[in-house]
Amino acid sequence: MPVAPDPQPRSTTLPADFGAFYAEHAERLLVFFARRTFDVEVARDLTAETFAEALRTRSRFRGDSAEEAGGWLYGIARHKLSHFVRRGIAERRSIDKLGVRVPEITPDEHARVVELAGLADLRSVVAQEFRRLSTEQQAAVQLRVVDELPYGEVAARLHISEPTARARVSRGLRQLAAALDGITPQSEVTA
């Protein structure tokens, strides 16, 4: 009688030596986060959190290729980034209240991540594209993203409804994101 295949075979594409998996993806993942947060320290933290989660949950990976392993890792990374954005303001306030000291990196390490992620170019593009937004979108994005106000406060300050404030921020951020999608990080140019 034939043996039925295991419905969830274990993958062999995640190396038993997790260090090799880390070495293969760490720099690109750091650049991924730096380009999305514009903050080297946050990018370092999110990279560490992503690999910690990948290590903790590696037995759940069910892929068959190195590409699937990378996709799985970036799925974890996108989840971490989304969670970071949602918790960001409250967490920063809590860290400040508790007086927690976050480890610092050297100026050379900071400069290297800025270079790898092409943050100087990205900042220039964001500034240029921000100026192209409508006046209404600029104001909404400024209040929500830069000033970190809740949507209700954005709406009140702009004398519009909260759904309209959300729509303006969303459209503005989509326009900014579309401009960034075409930029290749320095690390990919030199690779």
N, C-alpha and C. Protein backbone atom coordinates (compact mmCIF):
# COMPACT_ATOMS: atom_id res chain seq x y z
N MET A 1 0.86 -1.18 0.00
CA MET A 1 0.00 0.00 0.00
C MET A 1 0.90 1.24 0.00
N PRO A 2 0.66 2.19 -0.94
CA PRO A 2 1.50 3.38 -0.99
C PRO A 2 1.28 4.27 0.24
N VAL A 3 2.35 4.94 0.63
CA VAL A 3 2.28 5.85 1.78
C VAL A 3 1.86 7.22 1.29
N ALA A 4 0.87 7.79 1.94
CA ALA A 4 0.41 9.14 1.56
C ALA A 4 1.48 10.15 1.93
N PRO A 5 1.70 11.15 1.04
CA PRO A 5 2.71 12.16 1.35
C PRO A 5 2.30 12.99 2.57
N ASP A 6 3.28 13.44 3.27
CA ASP A 6 3.07 14.31 4.43
C ASP A 6 2.41 15.59 3.93
N PRO A 7 1.22 15.96 4.45
CA PRO A 7 0.53 17.16 3.96
C PRO A 7 1.32 18.44 4.24
N GLN A 8 2.21 18.42 5.19
CA GLN A 8 3.00 19.62 5.50
C GLN A 8 4.47 19.22 5.65
N PRO A 9 5.13 18.98 4.49
CA PRO A 9 6.53 18.57 4.59
C PRO A 9 7.39 19.68 5.16
N ARG A 10 8.41 19.27 5.91
CA ARG A 10 9.36 20.25 6.44
C ARG A 10 10.25 20.71 5.31
N SER A 11 10.54 21.98 5.29
CA SER A 11 11.39 22.52 4.24
C SER A 11 12.86 22.28 4.57
N THR A 12 13.62 22.11 3.51
CA THR A 12 15.07 22.02 3.68
C THR A 12 15.74 23.31 3.24
N THR A 13 14.94 24.32 2.85
CA THR A 13 15.53 25.56 2.34
C THR A 13 15.90 26.53 3.45
N LEU A 14 15.36 26.37 4.64
CA LEU A 14 15.83 27.18 5.76
C LEU A 14 17.00 26.42 6.37
N PRO A 15 18.18 27.01 6.31
CA PRO A 15 19.36 26.26 6.78
C PRO A 15 19.27 25.91 8.25
N ALA A 16 19.80 24.73 8.56
CA ALA A 16 19.87 24.33 9.97
C ALA A 16 20.73 25.34 10.72
N ASP A 17 21.75 25.87 10.03
CA ASP A 17 22.58 26.94 10.59
C ASP A 17 21.88 28.26 10.27
N PHE A 18 21.09 28.73 11.22
CA PHE A 18 20.31 29.94 10.99
C PHE A 18 21.22 31.13 10.70
N GLY A 19 22.47 31.05 11.14
CA GLY A 19 23.42 32.12 10.87
C GLY A 19 23.64 32.34 9.38
N ALA A 20 23.63 31.27 8.60
CA ALA A 20 23.79 31.39 7.15
C ALA A 20 22.58 32.10 6.53
N PHE A 21 21.39 31.76 7.00
CA PHE A 21 20.17 32.42 6.53
C PHE A 21 20.23 33.91 6.87
N TYR A 22 20.66 34.21 8.09
CA TYR A 22 20.80 35.59 8.53
C TYR A 22 21.80 36.33 7.64
N ALA A 23 22.95 35.74 7.43
CA ALA A 23 24.00 36.39 6.63
C ALA A 23 23.52 36.68 5.22
N GLU A 24 22.72 35.79 4.67
CA GLU A 24 22.22 35.98 3.31
C GLU A 24 21.23 37.14 3.20
N HIS A 25 20.43 37.37 4.23
CA HIS A 25 19.33 38.33 4.13
C HIS A 25 19.47 39.59 4.98
N ALA A 26 20.36 39.62 5.94
CA ALA A 26 20.38 40.71 6.93
C ALA A 26 20.55 42.09 6.31
N GLU A 27 21.52 42.26 5.44
CA GLU A 27 21.78 43.60 4.89
C GLU A 27 20.60 44.09 4.05
N ARG A 28 20.05 43.23 3.20
CA ARG A 28 18.91 43.65 2.37
C ARG A 28 17.69 43.97 3.24
N LEU A 29 17.50 43.19 4.30
CA LEU A 29 16.37 43.44 5.19
C LEU A 29 16.56 44.77 5.93
N LEU A 30 17.77 45.05 6.36
CA LEU A 30 18.07 46.33 7.00
C LEU A 30 17.76 47.48 6.06
N VAL A 31 18.16 47.36 4.80
CA VAL A 31 17.87 48.39 3.80
C VAL A 31 16.36 48.52 3.59
N PHE A 32 15.66 47.40 3.53
CA PHE A 32 14.20 47.39 3.38
C PHE A 32 13.55 48.26 4.46
N PHE A 33 13.96 48.03 5.71
CA PHE A 33 13.38 48.81 6.81
C PHE A 33 13.84 50.26 6.80
N ALA A 34 15.09 50.51 6.52
CA ALA A 34 15.61 51.88 6.52
C ALA A 34 14.90 52.72 5.46
N ARG A 35 14.62 52.13 4.32
CA ARG A 35 13.94 52.87 3.25
C ARG A 35 12.49 53.17 3.60
N ARG A 36 11.92 52.42 4.48
CA ARG A 36 10.51 52.63 4.83
C ARG A 36 10.32 53.46 6.10
N THR A 37 11.32 53.48 6.95
CA THR A 37 11.19 54.24 8.20
C THR A 37 12.03 55.51 8.21
N PHE A 38 13.04 55.58 7.33
CA PHE A 38 13.98 56.70 7.30
C PHE A 38 14.68 56.87 8.64
N ASP A 39 14.81 55.80 9.38
CA ASP A 39 15.42 55.85 10.69
C ASP A 39 16.29 54.61 10.88
N VAL A 40 17.59 54.82 10.96
CA VAL A 40 18.53 53.71 11.04
C VAL A 40 18.30 52.88 12.31
N GLU A 41 18.09 53.52 13.43
CA GLU A 41 17.88 52.79 14.69
C GLU A 41 16.64 51.92 14.62
N VAL A 42 15.56 52.48 14.09
CA VAL A 42 14.32 51.71 13.95
C VAL A 42 14.55 50.55 12.98
N ALA A 43 15.26 50.79 11.90
CA ALA A 43 15.54 49.74 10.93
C ALA A 43 16.33 48.60 11.58
N ARG A 44 17.30 48.94 12.40
CA ARG A 44 18.08 47.91 13.10
C ARG A 44 17.19 47.09 14.04
N ASP A 45 16.34 47.79 14.79
CA ASP A 45 15.45 47.10 15.72
C ASP A 45 14.49 46.16 14.98
N LEU A 46 13.88 46.66 13.89
CA LEU A 46 12.93 45.84 13.14
C LEU A 46 13.61 44.65 12.48
N THR A 47 14.84 44.84 12.03
CA THR A 47 15.59 43.73 11.45
C THR A 47 15.82 42.65 12.51
N ALA A 48 16.24 43.08 13.69
CA ALA A 48 16.47 42.12 14.77
C ALA A 48 15.18 41.42 15.16
N GLU A 49 14.09 42.16 15.28
CA GLU A 49 12.80 41.56 15.64
C GLU A 49 12.35 40.56 14.58
N THR A 50 12.57 40.88 13.31
CA THR A 50 12.16 39.99 12.23
C THR A 50 12.92 38.67 12.29
N PHE A 51 14.24 38.76 12.46
CA PHE A 51 15.02 37.53 12.54
C PHE A 51 14.71 36.73 13.80
N ALA A 52 14.43 37.42 14.88
CA ALA A 52 14.05 36.72 16.11
C ALA A 52 12.75 35.95 15.90
N GLU A 53 11.80 36.58 15.25
CA GLU A 53 10.52 35.92 14.96
C GLU A 53 10.72 34.76 13.98
N ALA A 54 11.56 34.96 12.97
CA ALA A 54 11.84 33.89 12.01
C ALA A 54 12.49 32.69 12.70
N LEU A 55 13.42 32.96 13.58
CA LEU A 55 14.08 31.89 14.31
C LEU A 55 13.08 31.15 15.20
N ARG A 56 12.25 31.91 15.88
CA ARG A 56 11.26 31.33 16.80
C ARG A 56 10.25 30.47 16.05
N THR A 57 9.86 30.88 14.84
CA THR A 57 8.78 30.21 14.12
C THR A 57 9.28 29.40 12.91
N ARG A 58 10.58 29.12 12.83
CA ARG A 58 11.14 28.46 11.64
C ARG A 58 10.52 27.10 11.37
N SER A 59 10.01 26.45 12.39
CA SER A 59 9.40 25.13 12.16
C SER A 59 8.07 25.24 11.39
N ARG A 60 7.51 26.41 11.31
CA ARG A 60 6.25 26.61 10.58
C ARG A 60 6.45 26.84 9.09
N PHE A 61 7.68 27.11 8.67
CA PHE A 61 7.95 27.38 7.26
C PHE A 61 7.69 26.12 6.44
N ARG A 62 6.93 26.24 5.37
CA ARG A 62 6.55 25.09 4.56
C ARG A 62 6.93 25.27 3.09
N GLY A 63 7.89 26.10 2.80
CA GLY A 63 8.27 26.34 1.41
C GLY A 63 9.19 25.27 0.86
N ASP A 64 9.45 25.40 -0.44
CA ASP A 64 10.29 24.43 -1.13
C ASP A 64 11.51 25.05 -1.80
N SER A 65 11.70 26.36 -1.68
CA SER A 65 12.81 26.99 -2.39
C SER A 65 13.39 28.13 -1.56
N ALA A 66 14.57 28.57 -1.98
CA ALA A 66 15.21 29.71 -1.32
C ALA A 66 14.37 30.97 -1.51
N GLU A 67 13.72 31.09 -2.68
CA GLU A 67 12.86 32.25 -2.94
C GLU A 67 11.67 32.27 -1.97
N GLU A 68 11.11 31.11 -1.71
CA GLU A 68 10.00 31.04 -0.76
C GLU A 68 10.48 31.36 0.66
N ALA A 69 11.68 30.95 0.98
CA ALA A 69 12.23 31.28 2.30
C ALA A 69 12.39 32.78 2.44
N GLY A 70 12.89 33.43 1.39
CA GLY A 70 13.02 34.89 1.41
C GLY A 70 11.67 35.57 1.49
N GLY A 71 10.71 35.05 0.74
CA GLY A 71 9.35 35.61 0.79
C GLY A 71 8.73 35.47 2.17
N TRP A 72 8.95 34.32 2.79
CA TRP A 72 8.46 34.08 4.15
C TRP A 72 9.08 35.10 5.10
N LEU A 73 10.39 35.32 4.98
CA LEU A 73 11.08 36.29 5.84
C LEU A 73 10.51 37.69 5.64
N TYR A 74 10.30 38.09 4.38
CA TYR A 74 9.77 39.42 4.12
C TYR A 74 8.31 39.55 4.51
N GLY A 75 7.58 38.45 4.54
CA GLY A 75 6.23 38.49 5.08
C GLY A 75 6.26 38.83 6.56
N ILE A 76 7.18 38.22 7.28
CA ILE A 76 7.37 38.54 8.70
C ILE A 76 7.78 40.00 8.82
N ALA A 77 8.68 40.46 7.95
CA ALA A 77 9.16 41.85 8.00
C ALA A 77 8.02 42.84 7.77
N ARG A 78 7.17 42.57 6.79
CA ARG A 78 6.04 43.47 6.53
C ARG A 78 5.09 43.52 7.72
N HIS A 79 4.88 42.37 8.36
CA HIS A 79 4.04 42.33 9.56
C HIS A 79 4.68 43.16 10.68
N LYS A 80 5.98 43.01 10.87
CA LYS A 80 6.68 43.79 11.91
C LYS A 80 6.59 45.28 11.61
N LEU A 81 6.76 45.66 10.35
CA LEU A 81 6.68 47.07 9.97
C LEU A 81 5.28 47.62 10.22
N SER A 82 4.28 46.86 9.84
CA SER A 82 2.90 47.28 10.07
C SER A 82 2.62 47.45 11.56
N HIS A 83 3.08 46.50 12.34
CA HIS A 83 2.89 46.57 13.78
C HIS A 83 3.63 47.77 14.37
N PHE A 84 4.83 48.02 13.88
CA PHE A 84 5.61 49.16 14.34
C PHE A 84 4.86 50.47 14.09
N VAL A 85 4.31 50.61 12.91
CA VAL A 85 3.60 51.84 12.57
C VAL A 85 2.41 52.03 13.50
N ARG A 86 1.68 50.94 13.75
CA ARG A 86 0.50 51.05 14.61
C ARG A 86 0.85 51.38 16.06
N ARG A 87 1.95 50.81 16.53
CA ARG A 87 2.28 51.01 17.95
C ARG A 87 3.27 52.15 18.18
N GLY A 88 3.80 52.71 17.10
CA GLY A 88 4.92 53.65 17.18
C GLY A 88 4.79 54.78 18.18
N ILE A 89 3.74 55.54 18.09
CA ILE A 89 3.61 56.72 18.95
C ILE A 89 3.52 56.32 20.42
N ALA A 90 2.67 55.36 20.72
CA ALA A 90 2.50 54.94 22.12
C ALA A 90 3.79 54.35 22.67
N GLU A 91 4.47 53.57 21.86
CA GLU A 91 5.71 52.95 22.34
C GLU A 91 6.80 54.00 22.60
N ARG A 92 6.94 54.95 21.70
CA ARG A 92 7.95 55.99 21.90
C ARG A 92 7.66 56.79 23.18
N ARG A 93 6.40 57.05 23.42
CA ARG A 93 6.05 57.77 24.64
C ARG A 93 6.36 56.93 25.87
N SER A 94 6.08 55.63 25.81
CA SER A 94 6.36 54.74 26.94
C SER A 94 7.85 54.65 27.22
N ILE A 95 8.65 54.55 26.17
CA ILE A 95 10.11 54.48 26.33
C ILE A 95 10.60 55.75 27.01
N ASP A 96 10.08 56.88 26.56
CA ASP A 96 10.48 58.16 27.18
C ASP A 96 10.06 58.22 28.64
N LYS A 97 8.84 57.78 28.94
CA LYS A 97 8.35 57.81 30.32
C LYS A 97 9.18 56.92 31.23
N LEU A 98 9.53 55.75 30.74
CA LEU A 98 10.29 54.80 31.55
C LEU A 98 11.77 55.14 31.61
N GLY A 99 12.21 56.02 30.75
CA GLY A 99 13.62 56.39 30.73
C GLY A 99 14.53 55.27 30.23
N VAL A 100 13.98 54.43 29.35
CA VAL A 100 14.77 53.32 28.80
C VAL A 100 15.81 53.88 27.84
N ARG A 101 17.03 53.39 27.98
CA ARG A 101 18.11 53.82 27.10
C ARG A 101 18.24 52.81 25.97
N VAL A 102 18.03 53.28 24.75
CA VAL A 102 18.15 52.41 23.58
C VAL A 102 19.61 52.39 23.15
N PRO A 103 20.18 51.20 22.90
CA PRO A 103 21.58 51.13 22.49
C PRO A 103 21.84 51.95 21.23
N GLU A 104 22.98 52.59 21.19
CA GLU A 104 23.32 53.45 20.05
C GLU A 104 24.32 52.75 19.15
N ILE A 105 24.35 53.19 17.89
CA ILE A 105 25.35 52.68 16.96
C ILE A 105 26.37 53.78 16.71
N THR A 106 27.51 53.40 16.19
CA THR A 106 28.56 54.39 15.93
C THR A 106 28.16 55.24 14.74
N PRO A 107 28.74 56.44 14.64
CA PRO A 107 28.46 57.29 13.47
C PRO A 107 28.81 56.59 12.15
N ASP A 108 29.88 55.79 12.14
CA ASP A 108 30.25 55.07 10.91
C ASP A 108 29.20 54.04 10.53
N GLU A 109 28.67 53.32 11.53
CA GLU A 109 27.62 52.34 11.26
C GLU A 109 26.36 53.03 10.74
N HIS A 110 26.03 54.15 11.34
CA HIS A 110 24.87 54.93 10.92
C HIS A 110 25.04 55.39 9.48
N ALA A 111 26.20 55.95 9.17
CA ALA A 111 26.47 56.44 7.82
C ALA A 111 26.40 55.32 6.80
N ARG A 112 26.87 54.14 7.18
CA ARG A 112 26.86 53.00 6.26
C ARG A 112 25.43 52.58 5.92
N VAL A 113 24.55 52.54 6.90
CA VAL A 113 23.16 52.17 6.64
C VAL A 113 22.48 53.24 5.78
N VAL A 114 22.76 54.50 6.07
CA VAL A 114 22.20 55.59 5.27
C VAL A 114 22.65 55.44 3.82
N GLU A 115 23.92 55.11 3.63
CA GLU A 115 24.45 54.91 2.28
C GLU A 115 23.82 53.70 1.60
N LEU A 116 23.77 52.57 2.30
CA LEU A 116 23.20 51.35 1.72
C LEU A 116 21.74 51.54 1.29
N ALA A 117 20.98 52.23 2.11
CA ALA A 117 19.57 52.43 1.83
C ALA A 117 19.30 53.59 0.88
N GLY A 118 20.34 54.38 0.58
CA GLY A 118 20.14 55.53 -0.30
C GLY A 118 19.22 56.57 0.30
N LEU A 119 19.30 56.74 1.62
CA LEU A 119 18.35 57.64 2.30
C LEU A 119 18.48 59.09 1.87
N ALA A 120 19.67 59.55 1.51
CA ALA A 120 19.82 60.94 1.07
C ALA A 120 19.00 61.17 -0.19
N ASP A 121 19.11 60.24 -1.14
CA ASP A 121 18.32 60.35 -2.37
C ASP A 121 16.83 60.24 -2.08
N LEU A 122 16.47 59.32 -1.20
CA LEU A 122 15.06 59.14 -0.87
C LEU A 122 14.47 60.38 -0.22
N ARG A 123 15.21 60.97 0.68
CA ARG A 123 14.71 62.19 1.33
C ARG A 123 14.48 63.29 0.31
N SER A 124 15.38 63.40 -0.65
CA SER A 124 15.24 64.41 -1.70
C SER A 124 13.99 64.14 -2.53
N VAL A 125 13.78 62.89 -2.91
CA VAL A 125 12.60 62.52 -3.70
C VAL A 125 11.33 62.77 -2.91
N VAL A 126 11.33 62.40 -1.63
CA VAL A 126 10.13 62.60 -0.80
C VAL A 126 9.81 64.10 -0.71
N ALA A 127 10.83 64.92 -0.49
CA ALA A 127 10.60 66.37 -0.39
C ALA A 127 10.04 66.91 -1.71
N GLN A 128 10.61 66.47 -2.81
CA GLN A 128 10.14 66.92 -4.12
C GLN A 128 8.70 66.48 -4.37
N GLU A 129 8.42 65.22 -4.09
CA GLU A 129 7.07 64.70 -4.31
C GLU A 129 6.06 65.30 -3.34
N PHE A 130 6.51 65.59 -2.12
CA PHE A 130 5.61 66.22 -1.15
C PHE A 130 5.14 67.58 -1.69
N ARG A 131 6.06 68.32 -2.31
CA ARG A 131 5.70 69.62 -2.89
C ARG A 131 4.70 69.48 -4.05
N ARG A 132 4.65 68.30 -4.67
CA ARG A 132 3.72 68.06 -5.79
C ARG A 132 2.32 67.69 -5.31
N LEU A 133 2.19 67.32 -4.04
CA LEU A 133 0.87 67.00 -3.51
C LEU A 133 0.00 68.25 -3.53
N SER A 134 -1.30 68.04 -3.57
CA SER A 134 -2.20 69.19 -3.45
C SER A 134 -2.00 69.83 -2.07
N THR A 135 -2.37 71.07 -1.95
CA THR A 135 -2.24 71.78 -0.67
C THR A 135 -3.00 71.04 0.42
N GLU A 136 -4.18 70.53 0.07
CA GLU A 136 -4.99 69.79 1.05
C GLU A 136 -4.30 68.51 1.51
N GLN A 137 -3.70 67.78 0.57
CA GLN A 137 -2.99 66.55 0.92
C GLN A 137 -1.74 66.86 1.73
N GLN A 138 -1.02 67.91 1.36
CA GLN A 138 0.17 68.30 2.13
C GLN A 138 -0.19 68.55 3.59
N ALA A 139 -1.26 69.32 3.80
CA ALA A 139 -1.66 69.65 5.16
C ALA A 139 -2.05 68.39 5.94
N ALA A 140 -2.81 67.51 5.31
CA ALA A 140 -3.26 66.29 5.98
C ALA A 140 -2.08 65.38 6.30
N VAL A 141 -1.17 65.17 5.36
CA VAL A 141 0.00 64.32 5.58
C VAL A 141 0.89 64.93 6.66
N GLN A 142 1.09 66.24 6.61
CA GLN A 142 1.91 66.92 7.62
C GLN A 142 1.36 66.68 9.02
N LEU A 143 0.06 66.89 9.20
CA LEU A 143 -0.54 66.74 10.52
C LEU A 143 -0.54 65.29 10.99
N ARG A 144 -0.85 64.35 10.09
CA ARG A 144 -0.96 62.95 10.51
C ARG A 144 0.39 62.25 10.64
N VAL A 145 1.27 62.43 9.64
CA VAL A 145 2.51 61.67 9.60
C VAL A 145 3.64 62.39 10.32
N VAL A 146 3.82 63.66 10.02
CA VAL A 146 4.93 64.40 10.62
C VAL A 146 4.62 64.79 12.05
N ASP A 147 3.44 65.39 12.26
CA ASP A 147 3.06 65.84 13.60
C ASP A 147 2.46 64.72 14.45
N GLU A 148 2.17 63.57 13.82
CA GLU A 148 1.66 62.36 14.48
C GLU A 148 0.35 62.60 15.24
N LEU A 149 -0.52 63.38 14.65
CA LEU A 149 -1.83 63.62 15.27
C LEU A 149 -2.81 62.53 14.86
N PRO A 150 -3.75 62.20 15.74
CA PRO A 150 -4.78 61.23 15.35
C PRO A 150 -5.69 61.83 14.28
N TYR A 151 -6.35 60.95 13.52
CA TYR A 151 -7.19 61.43 12.41
C TYR A 151 -8.27 62.41 12.87
N GLY A 152 -8.83 62.17 14.04
CA GLY A 152 -9.85 63.10 14.54
C GLY A 152 -9.32 64.51 14.69
N GLU A 153 -8.10 64.63 15.20
CA GLU A 153 -7.47 65.94 15.37
C GLU A 153 -7.12 66.55 14.01
N VAL A 154 -6.66 65.73 13.08
CA VAL A 154 -6.35 66.22 11.72
C VAL A 154 -7.62 66.81 11.12
N ALA A 155 -8.71 66.06 11.23
CA ALA A 155 -9.99 66.52 10.68
C ALA A 155 -10.42 67.83 11.33
N ALA A 156 -10.30 67.91 12.64
CA ALA A 156 -10.71 69.13 13.34
C ALA A 156 -9.88 70.33 12.90
N ARG A 157 -8.58 70.15 12.80
CA ARG A 157 -7.71 71.27 12.41
C ARG A 157 -7.94 71.72 10.98
N LEU A 158 -8.32 70.78 10.12
CA LEU A 158 -8.53 71.14 8.71
C LEU A 158 -10.00 71.45 8.41
N HIS A 159 -10.86 71.33 9.43
CA HIS A 159 -12.29 71.62 9.28
C HIS A 159 -12.92 70.73 8.21
N ILE A 160 -12.61 69.42 8.31
CA ILE A 160 -13.16 68.43 7.39
C ILE A 160 -13.60 67.22 8.22
N SER A 161 -14.27 66.30 7.56
CA SER A 161 -14.69 65.08 8.27
C SER A 161 -13.48 64.15 8.43
N GLU A 162 -13.59 63.24 9.39
CA GLU A 162 -12.51 62.28 9.60
C GLU A 162 -12.30 61.38 8.38
N PRO A 163 -13.37 60.88 7.72
CA PRO A 163 -13.14 60.07 6.51
C PRO A 163 -12.42 60.87 5.41
N THR A 164 -12.72 62.16 5.30
CA THR A 164 -12.03 62.99 4.31
C THR A 164 -10.56 63.15 4.68
N ALA A 165 -10.28 63.32 5.98
CA ALA A 165 -8.90 63.41 6.43
C ALA A 165 -8.15 62.12 6.11
N ARG A 166 -8.78 60.98 6.38
CA ARG A 166 -8.15 59.69 6.08
C ARG A 166 -7.88 59.55 4.58
N ALA A 167 -8.84 59.96 3.78
CA ALA A 167 -8.68 59.85 2.32
C ALA A 167 -7.53 60.73 1.82
N ARG A 168 -7.43 61.95 2.35
CA ARG A 168 -6.35 62.84 1.91
C ARG A 168 -4.98 62.29 2.30
N VAL A 169 -4.88 61.78 3.51
CA VAL A 169 -3.60 61.20 3.96
C VAL A 169 -3.28 59.98 3.11
N SER A 170 -4.25 59.12 2.90
CA SER A 170 -4.02 57.90 2.13
C SER A 170 -3.58 58.23 0.70
N ARG A 171 -4.27 59.15 0.04
CA ARG A 171 -3.90 59.52 -1.33
C ARG A 171 -2.52 60.14 -1.38
N GLY A 172 -2.22 60.99 -0.43
CA GLY A 172 -0.90 61.61 -0.38
C GLY A 172 0.20 60.60 -0.18
N LEU A 173 0.00 59.66 0.74
CA LEU A 173 1.01 58.64 1.00
C LEU A 173 1.16 57.69 -0.19
N ARG A 174 0.07 57.38 -0.86
CA ARG A 174 0.17 56.54 -2.06
C ARG A 174 1.00 57.23 -3.14
N GLN A 175 0.79 58.53 -3.31
CA GLN A 175 1.55 59.27 -4.30
C GLN A 175 3.04 59.29 -3.94
N LEU A 176 3.34 59.50 -2.68
CA LEU A 176 4.73 59.48 -2.23
C LEU A 176 5.34 58.09 -2.41
N ALA A 177 4.60 57.05 -2.07
CA ALA A 177 5.10 55.68 -2.20
C ALA A 177 5.36 55.33 -3.66
N ALA A 178 4.48 55.78 -4.56
CA ALA A 178 4.67 55.49 -5.98
C ALA A 178 5.98 56.10 -6.49
N ALA A 179 6.31 57.28 -6.00
CA ALA A 179 7.56 57.93 -6.42
C ALA A 179 8.77 57.16 -5.90
N LEU A 180 8.65 56.57 -4.72
CA LEU A 180 9.77 55.83 -4.13
C LEU A 180 9.96 54.45 -4.73
N ASP A 181 8.90 53.89 -5.29
CA ASP A 181 8.99 52.53 -5.83
C ASP A 181 10.01 52.41 -6.95
N GLY A 182 10.23 53.49 -7.68
CA GLY A 182 11.15 53.41 -8.81
C GLY A 182 12.61 53.65 -8.46
N ILE A 183 12.92 53.88 -7.20
CA ILE A 183 14.30 54.18 -6.81
C ILE A 183 14.98 52.91 -6.32
N THR A 184 16.15 52.65 -6.86
CA THR A 184 16.93 51.47 -6.47
C THR A 184 17.91 51.87 -5.39
N PRO A 185 17.95 51.13 -4.26
CA PRO A 185 18.90 51.47 -3.20
C PRO A 185 20.33 51.31 -3.68
N GLN A 186 21.24 52.07 -3.10
CA GLN A 186 22.65 52.03 -3.47
C GLN A 186 23.23 50.63 -3.38
N SER A 187 22.81 49.86 -2.40
CA SER A 187 23.35 48.50 -2.23
C SER A 187 22.99 47.61 -3.41
N GLU A 188 21.86 47.85 -4.07
CA GLU A 188 21.48 47.06 -5.24
C GLU A 188 22.18 47.56 -6.49
N VAL A 189 22.53 48.85 -6.53
CA VAL A 189 23.23 49.42 -7.68
C VAL A 189 24.64 48.88 -7.75
N THR A 190 25.29 48.76 -6.58
CA THR A 190 26.69 48.34 -6.54
C THR A 190 26.86 46.83 -6.50
N ALA A 191 25.77 46.09 -6.33
CA ALA A 191 25.87 44.62 -6.21
C ALA A 191 26.12 43.98 -7.56
